[in-house]
């Protein structure tokens, strides 16, 4: 028969091991953890060894568009014409033999649709692209899962990022641009930090 001391010791060890388990990377975050479906977010993405996508950091889209006079006009989840800000920055995985499309994030097919926008001198054609090149693209995701880019430019930084509506949220995954992305307690999720700072100042 176990002594009372042994029972207490075993109980304490169980609690300690449970706390350690949930502190380890890869543990699920609290469901949603402040994220809201249908909201535009910017997510910094890492491709893991098994090819899956993992969110390093998630923050609400700032929705700022530069104007000609250098000032910025803050929009809510999109442009002033009601369109949602959608785009990404990533390294090109593969280019189709006919050079009419290319692949990013492992499975997302991208085509350059000049009818969506008014490309400027900085817009790259698919003929300018190469596998391994870091690019930024803005456009729309079609119903068939193909991303129609209205402009493609050389990326300023070599970071994989997605800006799009967050959907299909669970306690371990969500989707953006039709891509399944995992997250956990190691993911940095930024909320309304500015509002919190203002509240603290008012106090």
Protein backbone atom coordinates (compact mmCIF):
# COMPACT_ATOMS: atom_id res chain seq x y z
CA UNK A 1 0.00 0.00 0.00
CA UNK A 2 1.42 3.39 -1.08
CA UNK A 3 2.04 5.95 1.63
CA UNK A 4 0.36 9.35 1.60
CA UNK A 5 3.73 10.94 0.84
CA UNK A 6 4.21 8.77 -2.28
CA UNK A 7 0.76 9.71 -3.57
CA UNK A 8 1.50 13.42 -3.11
CA UNK A 9 4.89 13.01 -4.80
CA UNK A 10 3.39 11.21 -7.80
CA UNK A 11 0.68 13.85 -8.09
CA UNK A 12 3.25 16.65 -8.04
CA UNK A 13 5.34 14.92 -10.72
CA UNK A 14 2.26 14.50 -12.92
CA UNK A 15 1.42 18.21 -12.67
CA UNK A 16 5.04 19.21 -13.40
CA UNK A 17 5.25 16.94 -16.46
CA UNK A 18 1.92 18.25 -17.77
CA UNK A 19 3.10 21.85 -17.49
CA UNK A 20 6.36 20.99 -19.25
CA UNK A 21 4.51 19.24 -22.07
CA UNK A 22 2.32 22.25 -22.85
CA UNK A 23 5.35 24.55 -22.74
CA UNK A 24 7.17 22.62 -25.47
CA UNK A 25 7.06 23.90 -29.11
CA UNK A 26 4.46 22.19 -31.24
CA UNK A 27 1.77 22.19 -28.58
CA UNK A 28 -1.58 23.57 -29.74
CA UNK A 29 -2.36 27.17 -28.95
CA UNK A 30 -5.63 28.13 -27.30
CA UNK A 31 -8.26 27.78 -30.01
CA UNK A 32 -8.13 30.89 -32.17
CA UNK A 33 -5.89 32.65 -29.64
CA UNK A 34 -7.48 35.98 -30.56
CA UNK A 35 -7.57 35.31 -34.31
CA UNK A 36 -10.81 36.12 -36.12
CA UNK A 37 -12.01 34.30 -39.24
CA UNK A 38 -12.81 36.54 -42.18
CA UNK A 39 -10.20 39.12 -41.13
CA UNK A 40 -7.21 40.10 -43.25
CA UNK A 41 -3.93 39.16 -41.60
CA UNK A 42 -0.26 39.23 -42.50
CA UNK A 43 1.51 35.98 -41.65
CA UNK A 44 5.22 35.23 -41.74
CA UNK A 45 5.50 31.66 -43.03
CA UNK A 46 8.13 28.95 -42.67
CA UNK A 47 8.19 25.80 -44.82
CA UNK A 48 9.03 22.83 -42.60
CA UNK A 49 11.12 19.83 -43.64
CA UNK A 50 7.99 17.81 -44.44
CA UNK A 51 6.74 20.53 -46.80
CA UNK A 52 3.99 21.83 -44.52
CA UNK A 53 3.60 25.53 -43.79
CA UNK A 54 4.01 26.96 -40.28
CA UNK A 55 3.17 30.49 -39.11
CA UNK A 56 6.04 32.16 -37.26
CA UNK A 57 4.13 35.39 -36.72
CA UNK A 58 0.58 36.59 -37.40
CA UNK A 59 -0.62 40.18 -37.21
CA UNK A 60 -3.64 42.12 -38.48
CA UNK A 61 -3.09 43.77 -41.84
CA UNK A 62 -2.37 47.47 -41.43
CA UNK A 63 -4.30 48.24 -44.63
CA UNK A 64 -2.14 51.23 -45.47
CA UNK A 65 -1.84 52.37 -49.07
CA UNK A 66 0.79 54.87 -50.18
CA UNK A 67 -0.49 57.98 -51.92
CA UNK A 68 1.29 60.13 -54.48
CA UNK A 69 2.09 62.90 -51.98
CA UNK A 70 3.90 60.43 -49.74
CA UNK A 71 1.17 60.31 -47.12
CA UNK A 72 -0.60 57.10 -46.21
CA UNK A 73 -4.32 56.52 -46.01
CA UNK A 74 -5.36 53.80 -43.59
CA UNK A 75 -8.05 51.50 -44.90
CA UNK A 76 -9.96 48.80 -43.04
CA UNK A 77 -9.15 45.29 -44.34
CA UNK A 78 -8.68 46.44 -47.92
CA UNK A 79 -8.43 49.24 -50.44
CA UNK A 80 -10.77 52.22 -50.73
CA UNK A 81 -12.61 50.49 -53.60
CA UNK A 82 -13.71 47.71 -51.26
CA UNK A 83 -11.25 45.12 -52.56
CA UNK A 84 -9.41 42.96 -50.03
CA UNK A 85 -5.63 43.34 -49.83
CA UNK A 86 -4.28 40.01 -51.04
CA UNK A 87 -0.71 39.08 -51.85
CA UNK A 88 2.43 37.36 -50.79
CA UNK A 89 6.22 37.46 -50.72
CA UNK A 90 8.00 34.17 -51.36
CA UNK A 91 10.66 32.27 -53.28
CA UNK A 92 9.55 30.68 -56.58
CA UNK A 93 9.42 26.86 -56.41
CA UNK A 94 8.90 25.97 -60.06
CA UNK A 95 7.96 27.51 -63.42
CA UNK A 96 5.75 25.74 -65.96
CA UNK A 97 7.40 24.62 -69.19
CA UNK A 98 5.14 26.94 -71.19
CA UNK A 99 6.13 29.79 -68.80
CA UNK A 100 2.50 30.78 -68.39
CA UNK A 101 2.39 29.99 -64.68
CA UNK A 102 4.63 29.23 -61.70
CA UNK A 103 4.32 27.64 -58.27
CA UNK A 104 4.95 29.06 -54.78
CA UNK A 105 4.44 27.70 -51.26
CA UNK A 106 4.69 24.20 -52.71
CA UNK A 107 1.21 24.03 -54.24
CA UNK A 108 -0.11 27.51 -55.11
CA UNK A 109 -0.24 28.13 -58.87
CA UNK A 110 0.23 31.74 -59.98
CA UNK A 111 -0.51 33.37 -63.34
CA UNK A 112 0.14 36.97 -64.34
CA UNK A 113 -3.19 38.56 -65.21
CA UNK A 114 -2.49 42.02 -66.60
CA UNK A 115 -6.22 42.70 -66.94
CA UNK A 116 -6.55 42.88 -63.14
CA UNK A 117 -4.44 45.96 -62.77
CA UNK A 118 -2.34 48.61 -64.45
CA UNK A 119 1.24 47.28 -64.27
CA UNK A 120 4.07 49.77 -64.00
CA UNK A 121 7.71 49.57 -65.05
CA UNK A 122 8.61 47.55 -61.96
CA UNK A 123 6.20 44.73 -62.78
CA UNK A 124 8.04 41.58 -63.84
CA UNK A 125 6.77 39.32 -66.61
CA UNK A 126 6.88 35.57 -66.11
CA UNK A 127 9.64 35.50 -68.73
CA UNK A 128 11.76 37.52 -66.27
CA UNK A 129 11.35 35.00 -63.45
CA UNK A 130 13.61 32.16 -62.37
CA UNK A 131 13.30 29.32 -59.90
CA UNK A 132 14.61 30.45 -56.52
CA UNK A 133 13.90 34.15 -57.15
CA UNK A 134 12.26 36.07 -54.28
CA UNK A 135 9.20 37.96 -55.51
CA UNK A 136 6.21 39.91 -54.23
CA UNK A 137 2.81 39.57 -55.87
CA UNK A 138 -0.59 41.17 -55.46
CA UNK A 139 -3.81 39.96 -56.98
CA UNK A 140 -6.81 37.70 -56.46
CA UNK A 141 -7.39 34.02 -55.71
CA UNK A 142 -9.84 32.53 -58.22
CA UNK A 143 -12.47 29.91 -57.38
CA UNK A 144 -10.31 27.21 -59.01
CA UNK A 145 -7.49 27.91 -56.53
CA UNK A 146 -5.23 29.71 -59.02
CA UNK A 147 -3.78 33.06 -57.90
CA UNK A 148 -4.14 35.75 -60.58
CA UNK A 149 -1.40 38.31 -59.98
CA UNK A 150 -1.94 41.86 -61.21
CA UNK A 151 1.69 42.70 -60.51
CA UNK A 152 4.88 40.82 -59.65
CA UNK A 153 7.97 42.58 -58.36
CA UNK A 154 11.35 41.60 -56.95
CA UNK A 155 11.05 41.22 -53.18
CA UNK A 156 12.85 43.70 -50.93
CA UNK A 157 13.46 41.06 -48.26
CA UNK A 158 13.88 37.30 -48.39
CA UNK A 159 10.95 36.47 -46.12
CA UNK A 160 7.94 34.28 -46.86
CA UNK A 161 4.79 36.22 -46.04
CA UNK A 162 1.11 36.05 -46.93
CA UNK A 163 -1.46 38.83 -46.66
CA UNK A 164 -5.00 37.52 -47.09
CA UNK A 165 -8.25 36.65 -45.37
CA UNK A 166 -7.81 34.03 -42.62
CA UNK A 167 -10.29 31.15 -42.93
CA UNK A 168 -11.06 27.66 -41.56
CA UNK A 169 -9.60 28.43 -38.14
CA UNK A 170 -8.97 25.58 -35.69
CA UNK A 171 -6.78 25.34 -32.59
CA UNK A 172 -3.82 24.17 -34.72
CA UNK A 173 -4.39 25.32 -38.32
CA UNK A 174 -6.00 27.92 -40.57
CA UNK A 175 -6.02 28.65 -44.29
CA UNK A 176 -4.92 31.67 -46.32
CA UNK A 177 -5.09 31.70 -50.12
CA UNK A 178 -6.32 28.12 -49.88
CA UNK A 179 -3.10 27.02 -48.17
CA UNK A 180 -3.26 25.13 -44.87
CA UNK A 181 -0.95 26.71 -42.30
CA UNK A 182 -0.25 25.36 -38.82
CA UNK A 183 0.39 27.41 -35.69
CA UNK A 184 0.98 26.72 -32.00
CA UNK A 185 2.10 28.41 -28.80
CA UNK A 186 5.42 29.21 -30.45
CA UNK A 187 3.63 31.42 -32.99
CA UNK A 188 3.75 35.13 -32.20
CA UNK A 189 0.23 36.50 -32.55
CA UNK A 190 -0.09 40.28 -32.43
CA UNK A 191 -3.44 41.73 -31.42
CA UNK A 192 -4.56 45.28 -30.84
CA UNK A 193 -1.36 46.26 -29.03
CA UNK A 194 -1.83 49.95 -29.78
CA UNK A 195 -5.28 49.96 -28.16
CA UNK A 196 -3.86 48.22 -25.09
CA UNK A 197 -1.10 50.84 -24.84
CA UNK A 198 -3.65 53.67 -25.07
CA UNK A 199 -5.75 52.08 -22.32
CA UNK A 200 -2.68 51.79 -20.09
CA UNK A 201 -1.79 55.45 -20.69
CA UNK A 202 -5.35 56.51 -19.83
CA UNK A 203 -5.13 54.60 -16.56
